[in-house]
Amino acid sequence: MKKKIFFPSVLLLLFFASKAQPFAADIAAFKKQDSMAFPAANQILFVGSSSFTKWTDVQDYFPNKVILNRGFGGSTLADLIRYEREIILPYHAKQIVIYCGENDIASSDTVSPTMVLKRFKVLYKDIRQQYPSTPIIYISLKPSILRWQLRDRMKKANSLIQQYLSKKKRKARFLNVWDAMLGPDGNPMPDIFIGDRLHMNANGYAIWEKLLAPYLIN
């Protein structure tokens, strides 16, 4: 019996096919929800990483708005780009609120603020290609006790994205939450985080609510 011969290219295909895409389970869960009852158009879409995932009661903070939360924990801007056709572009949102980029910085010392900006530009341009006039709010990277050593790169990424959005004539806003989350000593306030010293508790989300509320549209 002849032995099967696998060429290197075939082996590579088999290898990559065996590797699940990152966050595949999260995206599958969103798609299952959509298949059961697809979200109505003209909702406010929250998309990004775990600060949105853990904001499970976000609708209670904005009772007069209709919020669609598509945050998935651990995600980077590269992940939002990867899944934009599943969790951003289909929904015809009347406004898009983004919190992402913190995990990009935290993922590796080689991820520079300039790289974060480049990733954000790709995401922004992809959204604008389909939705040229939909208002977009980008929430700045937040400070945290756990990641305080990354503050210089995070602040620089915030500055670059703020500068980029300031030049956009279309509806786009950079929302600075960094300063409001610092105490009088210039460090992250300890009472706004849960035990992991990274994710926020109700006190932290109350700060975000106060800053966001004036800019969420009806």
Protein backbone atom coordinates (compact mmCIF):
# COMPACT_ATOMS: atom_id res chain seq x y z
CA MET A 1 0.00 0.00 0.00
CA LYS A 2 1.33 3.41 -0.96
CA LYS A 3 2.09 5.85 1.82
CA LYS A 4 0.35 9.19 1.76
CA ILE A 5 2.71 12.05 1.14
CA PHE A 6 1.93 15.42 2.72
CA PHE A 7 3.62 18.40 1.18
CA PRO A 8 4.67 21.28 3.46
CA SER A 9 1.90 23.54 2.18
CA VAL A 10 -0.71 20.90 2.99
CA LEU A 11 0.71 20.47 6.46
CA LEU A 12 0.53 24.21 7.03
CA LEU A 13 -3.09 24.29 5.93
CA LEU A 14 -3.94 21.45 8.27
CA PHE A 15 -2.13 23.19 11.11
CA PHE A 16 -3.95 26.49 10.71
CA ALA A 17 -7.28 24.77 10.16
CA SER A 18 -6.85 23.03 13.50
CA LYS A 19 -6.34 26.33 15.30
CA ALA A 20 -9.55 28.01 16.38
CA GLN A 21 -9.81 31.72 15.77
CA PRO A 22 -9.36 33.78 18.95
CA PHE A 23 -12.64 34.59 20.71
CA ALA A 24 -14.51 32.22 18.39
CA ALA A 25 -16.82 31.17 21.23
CA ASP A 26 -17.71 34.79 22.06
CA ILE A 27 -18.49 35.61 18.45
CA ALA A 28 -20.50 32.40 18.05
CA ALA A 29 -22.56 33.38 21.10
CA PHE A 30 -23.31 36.80 19.60
CA LYS A 31 -24.30 35.21 16.28
CA LYS A 32 -26.58 32.78 18.08
CA GLN A 33 -28.29 35.68 19.84
CA ASP A 34 -28.68 37.45 16.51
CA SER A 35 -30.15 34.36 14.86
CA MET A 36 -32.81 34.13 17.56
CA ALA A 37 -33.77 37.82 17.41
CA PHE A 38 -31.69 40.14 15.26
CA PRO A 39 -31.16 43.51 16.97
CA ALA A 40 -33.30 46.33 15.66
CA ALA A 41 -31.59 49.13 13.79
CA ASN A 42 -30.83 52.50 15.40
CA GLN A 43 -29.54 51.22 18.71
CA ILE A 44 -26.38 52.55 20.37
CA LEU A 45 -23.68 49.96 19.84
CA PHE A 46 -21.06 49.46 22.55
CA VAL A 47 -18.15 47.44 21.19
CA GLY A 48 -14.76 46.64 22.65
CA SER A 49 -13.03 44.74 25.42
CA SER A 50 -13.79 43.60 28.96
CA SER A 51 -14.65 47.02 30.37
CA PHE A 52 -17.77 46.71 28.22
CA THR A 53 -18.19 42.96 28.71
CA LYS A 54 -18.37 43.47 32.46
CA TRP A 55 -20.74 46.41 32.13
CA THR A 56 -23.60 43.96 32.14
CA ASP A 57 -26.09 46.48 33.49
CA VAL A 58 -25.12 49.28 31.10
CA GLN A 59 -28.75 49.64 30.03
CA ASP A 60 -29.68 50.60 33.61
CA TYR A 61 -27.16 53.46 33.51
CA PHE A 62 -28.82 54.90 30.41
CA PRO A 63 -32.52 53.98 30.79
CA ASN A 64 -33.67 56.37 28.07
CA LYS A 65 -31.32 54.85 25.47
CA VAL A 66 -31.35 51.48 23.75
CA ILE A 67 -27.92 49.90 24.16
CA LEU A 68 -26.55 46.91 22.25
CA ASN A 69 -23.47 45.60 24.08
CA ARG A 70 -21.00 43.63 21.96
CA GLY A 71 -17.95 43.77 24.22
CA PHE A 72 -15.83 40.64 24.50
CA GLY A 73 -13.19 40.37 27.19
CA GLY A 74 -9.52 40.36 26.29
CA SER A 75 -10.05 41.72 22.81
CA THR A 76 -7.69 44.07 21.03
CA LEU A 77 -8.28 46.49 18.19
CA ALA A 78 -6.96 43.79 15.88
CA ASP A 79 -9.74 41.51 17.13
CA LEU A 80 -12.40 44.16 16.51
CA ILE A 81 -11.10 44.49 12.96
CA ARG A 82 -11.13 40.70 12.54
CA TYR A 83 -14.76 40.46 13.62
CA GLU A 84 -16.15 43.80 12.42
CA ARG A 85 -18.38 42.06 9.87
CA GLU A 86 -19.97 40.05 12.68
CA ILE A 87 -20.30 42.52 15.55
CA ILE A 88 -20.19 46.05 14.13
CA LEU A 89 -21.14 46.44 10.51
CA PRO A 90 -24.39 44.41 10.42
CA TYR A 91 -26.27 46.36 13.07
CA HIS A 92 -27.00 49.74 11.46
CA ALA A 93 -26.39 51.43 14.80
CA LYS A 94 -27.29 55.09 15.20
CA GLN A 95 -24.15 55.61 17.29
CA ILE A 96 -21.05 53.50 17.98
CA VAL A 97 -19.12 53.65 21.26
CA ILE A 98 -15.69 51.97 21.28
CA TYR A 99 -13.51 50.98 24.20
CA CYS A 100 -10.47 49.06 23.00
CA GLY A 101 -6.70 49.39 22.79
CA GLU A 102 -5.75 48.76 26.39
CA ASN A 103 -5.17 45.07 25.73
CA ASP A 104 -3.08 45.92 22.69
CA ILE A 105 -0.62 47.79 24.91
CA ALA A 106 -0.74 45.13 27.63
CA SER A 107 -0.25 42.22 25.23
CA SER A 108 3.40 42.94 24.49
CA ASP A 109 6.17 45.46 25.10
CA THR A 110 6.61 45.57 21.33
CA VAL A 111 3.16 47.11 20.77
CA SER A 112 3.83 50.83 20.56
CA PRO A 113 1.33 53.69 20.80
CA THR A 114 1.87 54.28 17.09
CA MET A 115 0.83 50.69 16.37
CA VAL A 116 -2.31 51.20 18.43
CA LEU A 117 -3.10 54.31 16.41
CA LYS A 118 -2.58 52.43 13.14
CA ARG A 119 -4.95 49.69 14.25
CA PHE A 120 -7.54 52.23 15.30
CA LYS A 121 -7.26 53.98 11.94
CA VAL A 122 -8.02 50.73 10.14
CA LEU A 123 -11.09 50.12 12.31
CA TYR A 124 -12.29 53.70 11.97
CA LYS A 125 -11.91 53.71 8.19
CA ASP A 126 -13.68 50.37 7.86
CA ILE A 127 -16.64 51.70 9.83
CA ARG A 128 -16.68 54.94 7.88
CA GLN A 129 -16.69 53.09 4.57
CA GLN A 130 -20.10 51.61 5.40
CA TYR A 131 -21.40 54.26 7.79
CA PRO A 132 -19.97 57.62 6.69
CA SER A 133 -21.97 59.75 9.09
CA THR A 134 -22.74 57.54 12.10
CA PRO A 135 -21.50 59.29 15.27
CA ILE A 136 -18.57 57.48 16.88
CA ILE A 137 -17.27 57.91 20.42
CA TYR A 138 -13.88 56.50 21.31
CA ILE A 139 -13.41 56.15 25.06
CA SER A 140 -9.81 56.75 26.04
CA LEU A 141 -7.71 53.99 27.53
CA LYS A 142 -8.37 53.95 31.24
CA PRO A 143 -5.80 53.94 34.06
CA SER A 144 -5.76 50.99 36.43
CA ILE A 145 -3.73 49.89 39.43
CA LEU A 146 -2.72 46.60 37.83
CA ARG A 147 -1.42 48.20 34.64
CA TRP A 148 -0.10 51.44 36.08
CA GLN A 149 3.40 50.60 34.87
CA LEU A 150 2.07 50.87 31.30
CA ARG A 151 0.75 54.39 31.83
CA ASP A 152 3.25 56.20 29.61
CA ARG A 153 2.46 54.09 26.55
CA MET A 154 -1.26 54.25 27.27
CA LYS A 155 -1.23 58.03 27.65
CA LYS A 156 0.70 58.37 24.41
CA ALA A 157 -1.78 56.12 22.57
CA ASN A 158 -4.61 58.25 23.94
CA SER A 159 -2.90 61.40 22.73
CA LEU A 160 -2.34 60.03 19.23
CA ILE A 161 -5.93 58.85 18.82
CA GLN A 162 -7.25 62.13 20.21
CA GLN A 163 -5.18 64.07 17.67
CA TYR A 164 -6.38 61.82 14.86
CA LEU A 165 -10.06 62.20 15.73
CA SER A 166 -9.73 65.96 16.22
CA LYS A 167 -9.01 66.28 12.50
CA LYS A 168 -12.11 64.38 11.41
CA LYS A 169 -14.85 66.56 9.99
CA ARG A 170 -17.40 63.80 10.36
CA LYS A 171 -19.04 62.99 13.67
CA ALA A 172 -16.31 61.55 15.89
CA ARG A 173 -15.44 62.24 19.49
CA PHE A 174 -12.57 61.28 21.79
CA LEU A 175 -13.84 60.92 25.35
CA ASN A 176 -11.18 61.29 28.02
CA VAL A 177 -11.90 59.10 31.06
CA TRP A 178 -8.28 58.90 32.19
CA ASP A 179 -8.12 62.07 34.27
CA ALA A 180 -11.44 61.50 36.01
CA MET A 181 -10.27 58.10 37.28
CA LEU A 182 -7.22 59.51 39.08
CA GLY A 183 -7.17 60.61 42.70
CA PRO A 184 -5.61 63.77 44.16
CA ASP A 185 -2.26 61.97 44.31
CA GLY A 186 -2.30 61.40 40.54
CA ASN A 187 -2.73 57.64 40.89
CA PRO A 188 -5.76 55.50 39.97
CA MET A 189 -8.44 55.74 42.64
CA PRO A 190 -8.44 52.42 44.53
CA ASP A 191 -12.15 52.38 45.32
CA ILE A 192 -13.32 52.23 41.67
CA PHE A 193 -11.92 48.77 40.91
CA ILE A 194 -12.91 45.21 41.75
CA GLY A 195 -10.44 42.83 43.40
CA ASP A 196 -8.32 42.29 40.31
CA ARG A 197 -7.38 46.01 40.38
CA LEU A 198 -8.03 46.16 36.64
CA HIS A 199 -11.76 46.08 36.01
CA MET A 200 -14.17 48.63 37.41
CA ASN A 201 -16.87 48.33 40.01
CA ALA A 202 -20.05 50.42 40.12
CA ASN A 203 -18.09 53.46 41.30
CA GLY A 204 -15.91 53.32 38.21
CA TYR A 205 -18.82 52.87 35.86
CA ALA A 206 -20.57 55.81 37.51
CA ILE A 207 -17.64 57.97 36.36
CA TRP A 208 -18.05 56.68 32.82
CA GLU A 209 -21.79 57.24 32.97
CA LYS A 210 -21.35 60.88 33.94
CA LEU A 211 -18.84 61.50 31.14
CA LEU A 212 -20.72 59.56 28.45
CA ALA A 213 -24.29 60.65 29.11
CA PRO A 214 -24.06 64.12 27.50
CA TYR A 215 -22.87 62.63 24.21
CA LEU A 216 -25.19 59.67 23.72
CA ILE A 217 -27.78 60.61 21.15
CA ASN A 218 -31.52 60.09 21.40
